[in-house]
């Protein structure tokens, strides 16, 4: 007998707080530097040496004493005796004497005494072995000082950082051939519904007998972008035997996402079978639209952390929006990231936008910059939760707080960019604090 559950109607902040309290990073492993991009650093990276290791030239030119070129101009150039050259990889043989210049390449060590590198464009080499400096604008410039990038013992990349190309370059600079990274969560995804078929069975869609399972593919892409390892469980029919067969393999994963059958307050076979497998429901329904029939539970497992179970709505837009707003922050916590909350950017509305008080609305919007450089948000059109193409046209989700029934044209607002990367921030933004989403 199915026991009906009264809807909890959590705020976004309450839902996030409850879910984040149930998960933790999964541990760490060591990977080669070339395989570390897109992973999360598990331990701080500390510089063992200074970088750069010596004062070096910021460009091709001539190392000089700045005082020697102070009067230089195009009309009255200063001539200095050329005392040699320092290619990159070589070192000066001694200090630079006054009245002389050394030809120097970018990155080459600057001789002691020199405090200026005159770029080659401001000079002219003369046949008599001198160099003519035709501008004093480089005086005291174009030298990269020893240790100005990093000092020995300095933390150069913090633990919990998502490793982008720039962090990979820094790790190479400090000699990190092996990199300690957080273990990637393996996330199982199950679609449910007798009306669904896979892409390979699209003929049934053409015949108008079934609809294609787009949710699993969208979530697979979202999981990859988040840094997780997706495991697609296929499509379960709306009967207990099919659900059991598809859900049992999920018990070995690190998290489980189901789509459709999220109304755990009614007769719901997904919820019943999950409860047979040991799931405790933590909450059902969130004060947001689209995506309010979202549920979260955990399944206790011997010798392992509890399995977090995210019950997403079946409507495609609702599934994507709840993944962005509610699921991704929890997965980022499991990945050990320090920036876990959805990235929020300030915008102004390009039109009046009607809403419904009591729920935080996430509206599909296109972003455009006005003459002042501010971002303006304009709705992409109809906001039905089954209209997946509206997300393709959207550059962001425009947020209408629960306390508002409209936003006026030109009014400041917040938006979540919908990019291909996993941008996030360490502190909650819109609708993720009680003051904003109550």
Protein backbone atom coordinates (compact mmCIF):
# COMPACT_ATOMS: atom_id res chain seq x y z
CA UNK A 1 0.00 0.00 0.00
CA UNK A 2 1.40 3.37 -1.01
CA UNK A 3 1.52 5.91 1.82
CA UNK A 4 0.77 9.40 0.59
CA UNK A 5 3.20 12.07 1.70
CA UNK A 6 2.23 15.66 2.25
CA UNK A 7 4.28 18.08 0.14
CA UNK A 8 7.08 19.80 2.06
CA UNK A 9 7.25 22.88 -0.19
CA UNK A 10 10.85 23.68 0.72
CA UNK A 11 12.38 26.94 -0.35
CA UNK A 12 15.35 26.70 -2.71
CA UNK A 13 17.63 27.55 0.21
CA UNK A 14 16.12 24.88 2.44
CA UNK A 15 16.37 22.24 -0.27
CA UNK A 16 20.01 23.03 -0.97
CA UNK A 17 20.90 23.11 2.71
CA UNK A 18 19.29 19.72 3.34
CA UNK A 19 20.94 18.05 0.34
CA UNK A 20 24.39 19.55 0.92
CA UNK A 21 24.31 18.28 4.51
CA UNK A 22 23.93 14.71 3.23
CA UNK A 23 27.01 14.51 0.99
CA UNK A 24 30.79 14.85 1.20
CA UNK A 25 33.78 14.53 -1.17
CA UNK A 26 34.53 10.96 -2.18
CA UNK A 27 38.29 10.95 -1.62
CA UNK A 28 41.27 11.57 -3.85
CA UNK A 29 43.47 9.89 -6.42
CA UNK A 30 46.64 10.81 -8.30
CA UNK A 31 46.58 11.38 -12.06
CA UNK A 32 49.23 12.51 -14.58
CA UNK A 33 49.29 16.24 -15.21
CA UNK A 34 48.06 15.79 -18.79
CA UNK A 35 44.92 14.07 -17.45
CA UNK A 36 44.16 16.62 -14.72
CA UNK A 37 42.26 19.22 -16.77
CA UNK A 38 38.64 19.44 -15.65
CA UNK A 39 39.39 17.67 -12.36
CA UNK A 40 39.24 19.20 -8.88
CA UNK A 41 42.50 19.65 -6.98
CA UNK A 42 42.46 17.63 -3.74
CA UNK A 43 45.52 19.17 -2.03
CA UNK A 44 46.98 22.68 -2.28
CA UNK A 45 49.77 23.13 -4.81
CA UNK A 46 52.80 24.82 -3.22
CA UNK A 47 55.62 26.41 -5.20
CA UNK A 48 58.99 24.78 -4.42
CA UNK A 49 60.92 27.58 -6.17
CA UNK A 50 60.59 31.21 -7.12
CA UNK A 51 59.18 32.08 -10.51
CA UNK A 52 60.69 33.65 -12.45
CA UNK A 53 63.97 32.40 -10.97
CA UNK A 54 65.82 35.56 -12.06
CA UNK A 55 65.10 39.08 -13.25
CA UNK A 56 64.39 38.61 -16.94
CA UNK A 57 63.47 40.61 -19.99
CA UNK A 58 59.81 41.13 -20.80
CA UNK A 59 60.53 41.59 -24.50
CA UNK A 60 63.18 41.62 -27.19
CA UNK A 61 65.35 44.74 -26.95
CA UNK A 62 68.38 46.16 -25.13
CA UNK A 63 69.23 46.04 -21.42
CA UNK A 64 70.47 49.46 -20.28
CA UNK A 65 70.85 51.76 -17.31
CA UNK A 66 67.73 53.90 -17.23
CA UNK A 67 69.73 57.02 -16.37
CA UNK A 68 71.70 56.63 -19.60
CA UNK A 69 68.60 56.99 -21.80
CA UNK A 70 66.79 59.70 -19.83
CA UNK A 71 67.35 62.41 -22.48
CA UNK A 72 66.64 60.16 -25.47
CA UNK A 73 64.13 61.26 -28.11
CA UNK A 74 63.57 60.79 -31.83
CA UNK A 75 65.22 64.18 -32.50
CA UNK A 76 68.08 63.65 -30.05
CA UNK A 77 68.75 59.90 -29.75
CA UNK A 78 71.22 58.51 -27.22
CA UNK A 79 74.00 56.24 -28.45
CA UNK A 80 75.28 53.39 -26.29
CA UNK A 81 78.12 50.97 -26.96
CA UNK A 82 76.85 47.49 -27.72
CA UNK A 83 78.60 45.17 -25.25
CA UNK A 84 77.21 41.85 -26.48
CA UNK A 85 74.02 39.82 -26.52
CA UNK A 86 72.10 37.51 -24.15
CA UNK A 87 69.89 34.99 -25.97
CA UNK A 88 67.19 33.15 -24.02
CA UNK A 89 68.88 30.28 -22.18
CA UNK A 90 72.19 32.15 -21.70
CA UNK A 91 73.36 34.19 -18.73
CA UNK A 92 75.24 37.51 -18.58
CA UNK A 93 78.95 37.24 -17.85
CA UNK A 94 78.91 40.16 -15.41
CA UNK A 95 77.33 43.50 -14.48
CA UNK A 96 76.34 45.99 -17.16
CA UNK A 97 78.70 48.98 -17.35
CA UNK A 98 77.32 52.51 -17.63
CA UNK A 99 77.10 53.82 -21.17
CA UNK A 100 76.71 50.34 -22.64
CA UNK A 101 73.82 48.14 -23.76
CA UNK A 102 73.33 44.39 -24.10
CA UNK A 103 71.04 42.97 -26.76
CA UNK A 104 68.57 40.73 -24.92
CA UNK A 105 65.82 38.32 -25.87
CA UNK A 106 62.48 37.84 -24.10
CA UNK A 107 62.95 35.71 -20.99
CA UNK A 108 66.74 36.07 -20.89
CA UNK A 109 68.32 37.05 -17.53
CA UNK A 110 68.91 40.77 -17.07
CA UNK A 111 72.47 41.66 -16.03
CA UNK A 112 72.97 43.30 -12.66
CA UNK A 113 73.04 47.08 -12.91
CA UNK A 114 70.45 47.18 -15.70
CA UNK A 115 67.07 48.51 -14.67
CA UNK A 116 65.52 48.95 -18.12
CA UNK A 117 64.91 46.99 -21.30
CA UNK A 118 64.36 49.24 -24.28
CA UNK A 119 62.13 47.51 -26.80
CA UNK A 120 63.73 46.98 -30.18
CA UNK A 121 61.18 49.25 -31.91
CA UNK A 122 62.63 52.25 -30.02
CA UNK A 123 66.20 51.56 -31.17
CA UNK A 124 68.40 51.39 -34.24
CA UNK A 125 71.58 49.32 -34.51
CA UNK A 126 74.41 51.36 -35.98
CA UNK A 127 77.29 50.12 -38.21
CA UNK A 128 79.91 51.33 -35.73
CA UNK A 129 78.87 48.84 -33.00
CA UNK A 130 76.63 51.23 -31.09
CA UNK A 131 72.86 51.20 -30.63
CA UNK A 132 70.78 54.33 -30.96
CA UNK A 133 67.96 54.72 -28.41
CA UNK A 134 65.25 56.99 -29.82
CA UNK A 135 62.80 57.13 -26.89
CA UNK A 136 62.97 57.25 -23.08
CA UNK A 137 59.44 55.84 -22.66
CA UNK A 138 60.78 52.41 -21.65
CA UNK A 139 62.91 53.79 -18.82
CA UNK A 140 62.50 51.56 -15.72
CA UNK A 141 60.23 49.14 -17.57
CA UNK A 142 60.07 45.74 -19.29
CA UNK A 143 61.87 43.74 -16.61
CA UNK A 144 60.06 40.85 -14.94
CA UNK A 145 61.43 40.62 -11.40
CA UNK A 146 62.60 37.45 -9.72
CA UNK A 147 59.75 35.82 -7.78
CA UNK A 148 57.09 38.26 -8.96
CA UNK A 149 54.86 35.40 -10.16
CA UNK A 150 55.33 33.05 -7.21
CA UNK A 151 57.52 32.69 -4.13
CA UNK A 152 58.92 29.45 -2.75
CA UNK A 153 56.45 28.04 -0.20
CA UNK A 154 53.51 30.00 -1.61
CA UNK A 155 50.22 28.20 -2.30
CA UNK A 156 49.62 28.79 -6.00
CA UNK A 157 46.45 26.70 -6.51
CA UNK A 158 44.07 26.04 -3.64
CA UNK A 159 42.49 22.68 -2.88
CA UNK A 160 38.96 22.50 -4.23
CA UNK A 161 39.83 24.40 -7.41
CA UNK A 162 38.48 23.20 -10.75
CA UNK A 163 41.56 22.81 -12.93
CA UNK A 164 41.34 24.93 -16.08
CA UNK A 165 44.14 25.40 -18.65
CA UNK A 166 45.67 28.22 -16.58
CA UNK A 167 45.85 26.07 -13.44
CA UNK A 168 47.37 23.23 -15.44
CA UNK A 169 50.07 25.64 -16.63
CA UNK A 170 50.80 26.73 -13.06
CA UNK A 171 50.99 23.11 -11.90
CA UNK A 172 53.51 22.42 -14.64
CA UNK A 173 55.49 25.46 -13.48
CA UNK A 174 55.82 24.00 -9.98
CA UNK A 175 56.83 20.55 -11.26
CA UNK A 176 53.59 18.70 -10.51
CA UNK A 177 53.99 15.72 -12.87
CA UNK A 178 51.36 13.87 -10.80
CA UNK A 179 48.34 15.73 -9.48
CA UNK A 180 46.15 14.79 -6.48
CA UNK A 181 42.54 15.20 -7.59
CA UNK A 182 39.13 14.39 -6.15
CA UNK A 183 37.47 11.18 -7.25
CA UNK A 184 34.73 11.79 -9.79
CA UNK A 185 31.26 10.73 -8.62
CA UNK A 186 29.65 8.05 -10.73
CA UNK A 187 26.06 9.17 -11.21
CA UNK A 188 23.37 6.76 -12.39
CA UNK A 189 20.51 8.19 -14.47
CA UNK A 190 17.18 6.41 -14.92
CA UNK A 191 14.31 7.59 -17.10
CA UNK A 192 10.87 6.18 -16.33
CA UNK A 193 7.66 6.02 -18.31
CA UNK A 194 5.82 3.65 -20.66
CA UNK A 195 5.55 6.46 -23.20
CA UNK A 196 9.34 6.75 -23.69
CA UNK A 197 11.65 5.20 -26.24
CA UNK A 198 15.36 5.66 -26.88
CA UNK A 199 16.75 7.61 -29.84
CA UNK A 200 17.48 4.32 -31.63
CA UNK A 201 13.72 3.64 -31.68
CA UNK A 202 12.79 6.97 -33.22
CA UNK A 203 10.51 5.24 -35.73
CA UNK A 204 7.92 4.98 -32.94
CA UNK A 205 8.15 8.74 -32.52
CA UNK A 206 7.63 9.27 -36.25
CA UNK A 207 4.57 7.03 -35.97
CA UNK A 208 3.28 9.27 -33.14
CA UNK A 209 3.16 6.32 -30.76
CA UNK A 210 5.91 7.32 -28.32
CA UNK A 211 8.15 10.25 -27.34
CA UNK A 212 11.90 10.15 -27.25
CA UNK A 213 13.81 10.05 -23.96
CA UNK A 214 15.66 13.37 -24.20
CA UNK A 215 16.18 13.76 -20.44
CA UNK A 216 18.84 11.07 -20.11
CA UNK A 217 20.89 12.60 -22.90
CA UNK A 218 20.59 16.15 -21.52
CA UNK A 219 21.53 14.95 -18.03
CA UNK A 220 24.43 12.90 -19.41
CA UNK A 221 25.81 16.08 -21.00
CA UNK A 222 25.25 18.05 -17.79
CA UNK A 223 27.04 15.43 -15.72
CA UNK A 224 30.03 15.42 -18.06
CA UNK A 225 30.21 19.23 -17.88
CA UNK A 226 30.11 19.02 -14.08
CA UNK A 227 33.02 16.58 -14.00
CA UNK A 228 31.04 13.47 -13.05
CA UNK A 229 30.99 10.04 -14.66
CA UNK A 230 27.46 9.32 -15.97
CA UNK A 231 25.99 5.83 -16.01
CA UNK A 232 22.77 5.63 -18.02
CA UNK A 233 20.39 2.94 -16.76
CA UNK A 234 18.00 3.13 -19.69
CA UNK A 235 14.23 3.48 -19.52
CA UNK A 236 12.12 1.69 -16.91
CA UNK A 237 8.47 0.88 -17.52
CA UNK A 238 5.84 1.93 -15.02
CA UNK A 239 5.74 -1.39 -13.21
CA UNK A 240 7.55 -2.68 -10.16
CA UNK A 241 9.47 -5.48 -11.89
CA UNK A 242 10.97 -3.16 -14.50
CA UNK A 243 11.77 -0.50 -11.93
CA UNK A 244 13.50 -3.01 -9.62
CA UNK A 245 15.58 -4.41 -12.47
CA UNK A 246 16.71 -0.94 -13.53
CA UNK A 247 17.25 0.53 -10.04
CA UNK A 248 19.27 -2.25 -8.39
CA UNK A 249 22.43 -1.47 -10.43
CA UNK A 250 22.22 2.12 -9.17
CA UNK A 251 23.01 0.98 -5.62
CA UNK A 252 26.70 0.75 -6.53
CA UNK A 253 26.82 4.32 -7.89
CA UNK A 254 27.71 7.45 -5.93
CA UNK A 255 24.43 9.21 -6.73
CA UNK A 256 21.18 8.46 -8.56
CA UNK A 257 18.99 10.71 -10.69
CA UNK A 258 15.52 9.59 -11.75
CA UNK A 259 13.26 11.51 -14.10
CA UNK A 260 9.46 11.43 -14.06
CA UNK A 261 7.38 9.81 -11.37
CA UNK A 262 8.48 12.59 -8.99
CA UNK A 263 5.09 13.09 -7.36
CA UNK A 264 5.86 11.09 -4.22
CA UNK A 265 2.75 12.43 -2.52
CA UNK A 266 0.58 10.36 -4.86
CA UNK A 267 0.55 6.78 -6.11
CA UNK A 268 4.10 6.56 -7.45
CA UNK A 269 5.74 3.25 -8.31
CA UNK A 270 9.22 4.82 -8.52
CA UNK A 271 8.99 5.99 -4.92
CA UNK A 272 7.57 2.67 -3.77
CA UNK A 273 10.37 0.61 -5.31
CA UNK A 274 13.02 3.03 -4.01
CA UNK A 275 11.55 2.68 -0.52
CA UNK A 276 11.72 -1.10 -0.90
CA UNK A 277 15.44 -0.58 -1.59
CA UNK A 278 15.77 1.43 1.62
CA UNK A 279 15.26 5.04 0.56
CA UNK A 280 14.27 7.63 3.14
CA UNK A 281 12.56 10.66 1.58
CA UNK A 282 14.00 13.90 2.95
CA UNK A 283 11.65 16.27 1.13
CA UNK A 284 9.27 16.54 -1.76
CA UNK A 285 8.36 19.71 -3.66
CA UNK A 286 10.33 22.93 -3.83
CA UNK A 287 8.97 26.47 -4.14
CA UNK A 288 10.26 26.99 -7.67
CA UNK A 289 8.98 26.90 -11.23
CA UNK A 290 9.62 25.04 -13.38
CA UNK A 291 10.54 21.99 -11.35
CA UNK A 292 8.48 22.15 -8.16
CA UNK A 293 7.77 18.36 -8.00
CA UNK A 294 11.42 17.68 -7.11
CA UNK A 295 12.26 15.12 -4.43
CA UNK A 296 15.37 14.09 -2.55
CA UNK A 297 16.14 11.01 -0.51
CA UNK A 298 19.00 8.77 0.60
CA UNK A 299 19.52 5.02 0.68
CA UNK A 300 21.65 3.61 3.48
CA UNK A 301 24.36 1.15 2.36
CA UNK A 302 26.60 -1.07 4.45
CA UNK A 303 30.21 0.11 4.39
CA UNK A 304 29.50 3.03 2.08
CA UNK A 305 28.12 6.51 2.30
CA UNK A 306 24.35 6.79 1.80
CA UNK A 307 23.25 7.01 -1.83
CA UNK A 308 21.74 10.42 -2.62
CA UNK A 309 18.65 10.09 -4.83
CA UNK A 310 17.42 13.08 -6.82
CA UNK A 311 13.87 12.75 -8.16
CA UNK A 312 13.55 15.13 -11.11
CA UNK A 313 10.32 15.97 -12.93
CA UNK A 314 9.77 14.36 -16.30
CA UNK A 315 9.13 17.52 -18.29
CA UNK A 316 12.38 18.25 -20.17
CA UNK A 317 12.74 21.91 -19.14
CA UNK A 318 11.92 21.08 -15.53
CA UNK A 319 14.55 18.33 -15.54
CA UNK A 320 17.26 20.65 -16.91
CA UNK A 321 16.38 23.57 -14.60
CA UNK A 322 16.28 21.46 -11.43
CA UNK A 323 19.58 19.87 -12.43
CA UNK A 324 21.17 23.33 -12.81
CA UNK A 325 19.69 24.88 -9.66
CA UNK A 326 19.49 21.96 -7.21
CA UNK A 327 21.55 18.96 -8.36
CA UNK A 328 24.74 20.52 -9.66
CA UNK A 329 25.61 22.24 -6.34
CA UNK A 330 25.38 18.90 -4.53
CA UNK A 331 27.54 17.16 -7.12
CA UNK A 332 30.11 19.97 -6.87
CA UNK A 333 30.25 19.36 -3.11
CA UNK A 334 30.82 15.65 -3.78
CA UNK A 335 33.61 16.66 -6.16
CA UNK A 336 35.29 18.63 -3.38
CA UNK A 337 34.84 22.01 -5.06
CA UNK A 338 34.82 25.20 -3.00
CA UNK A 339 32.64 27.05 -5.52
CA UNK A 340 29.41 25.07 -5.53
CA UNK A 341 26.54 27.51 -6.04
CA UNK A 342 25.11 28.47 -9.45
CA UNK A 343 26.89 31.40 -11.04
CA UNK A 344 24.75 34.55 -10.84
CA UNK A 345 25.13 37.66 -12.99
CA UNK A 346 23.37 41.04 -12.68
CA UNK A 347 21.04 41.99 -15.53
CA UNK A 348 18.23 44.43 -16.29
CA UNK A 349 14.94 43.36 -17.79
CA UNK A 350 14.33 44.40 -21.39
CA UNK A 351 10.55 44.15 -20.95
CA UNK A 352 7.90 43.87 -18.26
CA UNK A 353 7.73 40.28 -17.00
CA UNK A 354 4.70 38.85 -15.25
CA UNK A 355 5.13 36.07 -12.70
CA UNK A 356 3.25 34.34 -9.89
CA UNK A 357 3.94 35.17 -6.26
CA UNK A 358 4.98 32.36 -3.93
CA UNK A 359 7.46 30.51 -6.17
CA UNK A 360 10.93 31.47 -7.41
CA UNK A 361 10.59 31.50 -11.19
CA UNK A 362 13.46 30.61 -13.53
CA UNK A 363 12.48 32.03 -16.89
CA UNK A 364 14.30 31.30 -20.13
CA UNK A 365 15.80 34.54 -21.39
CA UNK A 366 18.13 35.80 -24.08
CA UNK A 367 20.87 38.21 -22.97
CA UNK A 368 21.93 41.24 -24.98
CA UNK A 369 24.21 44.14 -24.09
CA UNK A 370 22.92 47.68 -24.29
CA UNK A 371 24.92 50.78 -25.23
CA UNK A 372 26.21 51.14 -21.66
CA UNK A 373 27.50 47.55 -21.60
CA UNK A 374 24.81 46.28 -19.19
CA UNK A 375 23.18 42.94 -19.89
CA UNK A 376 19.49 43.05 -20.75
CA UNK A 377 17.31 39.97 -20.38
CA UNK A 378 14.40 39.29 -22.71
CA UNK A 379 12.21 36.19 -22.50
CA UNK A 380 12.61 33.69 -25.32
CA UNK A 381 8.84 33.34 -25.67
CA UNK A 382 6.41 30.81 -24.24
CA UNK A 383 7.70 29.23 -21.03
CA UNK A 384 6.03 25.81 -21.12
CA UNK A 385 8.02 23.17 -19.27
CA UNK A 386 7.85 20.79 -22.22
CA UNK A 387 9.40 23.28 -24.68
CA UNK A 388 13.02 22.19 -24.69
CA UNK A 389 13.90 24.36 -27.69
CA UNK A 390 13.23 27.44 -25.56
CA UNK A 391 16.35 26.52 -23.57
CA UNK A 392 18.35 26.37 -26.79
CA UNK A 393 17.33 29.98 -27.53
CA UNK A 394 18.08 31.07 -23.97
CA UNK A 395 21.40 32.42 -22.77
CA UNK A 396 20.33 32.42 -19.13
CA UNK A 397 17.63 31.68 -16.60
CA UNK A 398 16.15 34.96 -15.39
CA UNK A 399 15.18 34.82 -11.71
CA UNK A 400 11.92 36.29 -10.43
CA UNK A 401 11.93 36.11 -6.60
CA UNK A 402 9.06 34.39 -4.79
CA UNK A 403 7.90 37.67 -3.25
CA UNK A 404 7.30 39.28 -6.67
CA UNK A 405 4.45 38.90 -9.13
CA UNK A 406 6.24 40.87 -11.86
CA UNK A 407 9.43 42.64 -12.85
CA UNK A 408 9.21 46.04 -14.54
CA UNK A 409 11.10 46.92 -17.70
CA UNK A 410 14.61 48.12 -16.86
CA UNK A 411 14.49 46.67 -13.34
CA UNK A 412 17.66 45.06 -11.89
CA UNK A 413 17.47 41.28 -11.63
CA UNK A 414 19.66 38.18 -11.41
CA UNK A 415 20.27 35.51 -14.02
CA UNK A 416 22.03 32.16 -14.30
CA UNK A 417 24.12 31.95 -17.48
CA UNK A 418 23.51 28.77 -19.46
CA UNK A 419 26.98 28.07 -20.82
CA UNK A 420 28.73 24.87 -21.79
CA UNK A 421 31.15 25.10 -18.85
CA UNK A 422 30.47 24.60 -15.15
CA UNK A 423 30.80 28.13 -13.81
CA UNK A 424 29.99 28.47 -10.12
CA UNK A 425 30.58 30.71 -7.12
CA UNK A 426 31.50 30.01 -3.48
CA UNK A 427 28.60 31.90 -1.90
CA UNK A 428 24.87 31.66 -2.59
CA UNK A 429 23.42 34.20 -5.00
CA UNK A 430 19.78 34.64 -6.00
CA UNK A 431 17.10 32.66 -4.20
CA UNK A 432 19.59 30.55 -2.27
CA UNK A 433 19.29 32.44 1.00
CA UNK A 434 16.20 32.55 3.18
CA UNK A 435 15.86 36.31 2.80
CA UNK A 436 15.66 35.99 -0.98
CA UNK A 437 13.47 32.98 -1.55
CA UNK A 438 11.03 33.12 1.36
